[in-house]
Amino acid sequence: MSTTAKDGKLTVDIKTGETMKFSTGGVDSLEISLKLLHKHGQVARVLVQAPEAVKIRRPARVG
C-alpha cells in the first residue's frame, strides 16, 4: 500500500486483498474498513464494513 498526501486530500494505492481502516477516534470510536476484493480494468469490487450506526450508500450518479 502506498500513499500520497496533498492539500488535505489523500491518494491511496492498494493491492487486491489489502484492507484500509478508518476510525473516528475518541471514547465512542467507530471503525470502517474497506477491503479490495477484486480488480479488473477500471472496475474494483470493494467490501465495506461498518457499525450499524454508519449509513453506507452509493454516491449519486452524475450526468
C-alpha atoms as a PDB file:
ATOM      1  CA  MET A   1       0.000   0.000   0.000  1.00  0.00           C
ATOM      2  CA  SER A   2       1.372   3.433  -0.872  1.00  0.00           C
ATOM      3  CA  THR A   3       0.003   6.876  -0.050  1.00  0.00           C
ATOM      4  CA  THR A   4       0.384  10.439  -1.272  1.00  0.00           C
ATOM      5  CA  ALA A   5      -0.987  13.413   0.687  1.00  0.00           C
ATOM      6  CA  LYS A   6      -1.536  16.883  -0.785  1.00  0.00           C
ATOM      7  CA  ASP A   7      -3.792  19.791   0.143  1.00  0.00           C
ATOM      8  CA  GLY A   8      -5.732  17.874   2.817  1.00  0.00           C
ATOM      9  CA  LYS A   9      -6.520  15.003   0.413  1.00  0.00           C
ATOM     10  CA  LEU A  10      -5.079  11.522   0.342  1.00  0.00           C
ATOM     11  CA  THR A  11      -4.476   9.242  -2.631  1.00  0.00           C
ATOM     12  CA  VAL A  12      -4.027   5.579  -1.745  1.00  0.00           C
ATOM     13  CA  ASP A  13      -2.838   2.715  -3.938  1.00  0.00           C
ATOM     14  CA  ILE A  14      -3.849  -0.687  -2.593  1.00  0.00           C
ATOM     15  CA  LYS A  15      -3.465  -4.213  -3.899  1.00  0.00           C
ATOM     16  CA  THR A  16      -6.080  -6.953  -4.047  1.00  0.00           C
ATOM     17  CA  GLY A  17      -6.627  -8.410  -0.591  1.00  0.00           C
ATOM     18  CA  GLU A  18      -5.418  -5.327   1.290  1.00  0.00           C
ATOM     19  CA  THR A  19      -7.674  -3.602   3.841  1.00  0.00           C
ATOM     20  CA  MET A  20      -7.875   0.062   4.849  1.00  0.00           C
ATOM     21  CA  LYS A  21      -9.403   1.074   8.188  1.00  0.00           C
ATOM     22  CA  PHE A  22     -10.904   4.438   9.113  1.00  0.00           C
ATOM     23  CA  SER A  23     -11.553   5.387  12.726  1.00  0.00           C
ATOM     24  CA  THR A  24     -13.323   8.364  14.310  1.00  0.00           C
ATOM     25  CA  GLY A  25     -11.232   8.105  17.489  1.00  0.00           C
ATOM     26  CA  GLY A  26     -12.392   9.016  20.965  1.00  0.00           C
ATOM     27  CA  VAL A  27     -14.379   7.042  23.540  1.00  0.00           C
ATOM     28  CA  ASP A  28     -17.227   6.108  21.180  1.00  0.00           C
ATOM     29  CA  SER A  29     -14.884   5.360  18.301  1.00  0.00           C
ATOM     30  CA  LEU A  30     -16.412   3.937  15.115  1.00  0.00           C
ATOM     31  CA  GLU A  31     -14.320   1.914  12.694  1.00  0.00           C
ATOM     32  CA  ILE A  32     -14.993   1.458   8.992  1.00  0.00           C
ATOM     33  CA  SER A  33     -12.958  -0.969   6.914  1.00  0.00           C
ATOM     34  CA  LEU A  34     -12.563  -1.180   3.164  1.00  0.00           C
ATOM     35  CA  LYS A  35     -11.113  -4.322   1.558  1.00  0.00           C
ATOM     36  CA  LEU A  36     -10.245  -4.559  -2.137  1.00  0.00           C
ATOM     37  CA  LEU A  37     -11.632  -7.957  -3.122  1.00  0.00           C
ATOM     38  CA  HIS A  38     -11.082  -7.909  -6.889  1.00  0.00           C
ATOM     39  CA  LYS A  39      -9.981  -5.537  -9.630  1.00  0.00           C
ATOM     40  CA  HIS A  40     -10.430  -5.915 -13.367  1.00  0.00           C
ATOM     41  CA  GLY A  41      -9.586  -2.965 -15.618  1.00  0.00           C
ATOM     42  CA  GLN A  42     -11.347   0.120 -14.237  1.00  0.00           C
ATOM     43  CA  VAL A  43     -13.789  -1.859 -12.078  1.00  0.00           C
ATOM     44  CA  ALA A  44     -12.996  -2.820  -8.487  1.00  0.00           C
ATOM     45  CA  ARG A  45     -15.071  -4.845  -6.025  1.00  0.00           C
ATOM     46  CA  VAL A  46     -14.724  -3.430  -2.520  1.00  0.00           C
ATOM     47  CA  LEU A  47     -16.096  -4.836   0.736  1.00  0.00           C
ATOM     48  CA  VAL A  48     -17.206  -2.043   3.103  1.00  0.00           C
ATOM     49  CA  GLN A  49     -17.789  -2.954   6.764  1.00  0.00           C
ATOM     50  CA  ALA A  50     -19.097  -0.504   9.353  1.00  0.00           C
ATOM     51  CA  PRO A  51     -21.201  -0.464  12.527  1.00  0.00           C
ATOM     52  CA  GLU A  52     -24.976  -0.187  12.110  1.00  0.00           C
ATOM     53  CA  ALA A  53     -24.792   3.488  13.155  1.00  0.00           C
ATOM     54  CA  VAL A  54     -22.950   4.274   9.900  1.00  0.00           C
ATOM     55  CA  LYS A  55     -25.092   4.546   6.777  1.00  0.00           C
ATOM     56  CA  ILE A  56     -23.464   3.029   3.696  1.00  0.00           C
ATOM     57  CA  ARG A  57     -24.835   4.126   0.335  1.00  0.00           C
ATOM     58  CA  ARG A  58     -23.668   4.681  -3.195  1.00  0.00           C
ATOM     59  CA  PRO A  59     -22.918   8.253  -4.291  1.00  0.00           C
ATOM     60  CA  ALA A  60     -25.442   9.875  -6.638  1.00  0.00           C
ATOM     61  CA  ARG A  61     -24.706   9.267 -10.311  1.00  0.00           C
ATOM     62  CA  VAL A  62     -23.523  12.264 -12.285  1.00  0.00           C
ATOM     63  CA  GLY A  63     -24.916  13.056 -15.725  1.00  0.00           C
END
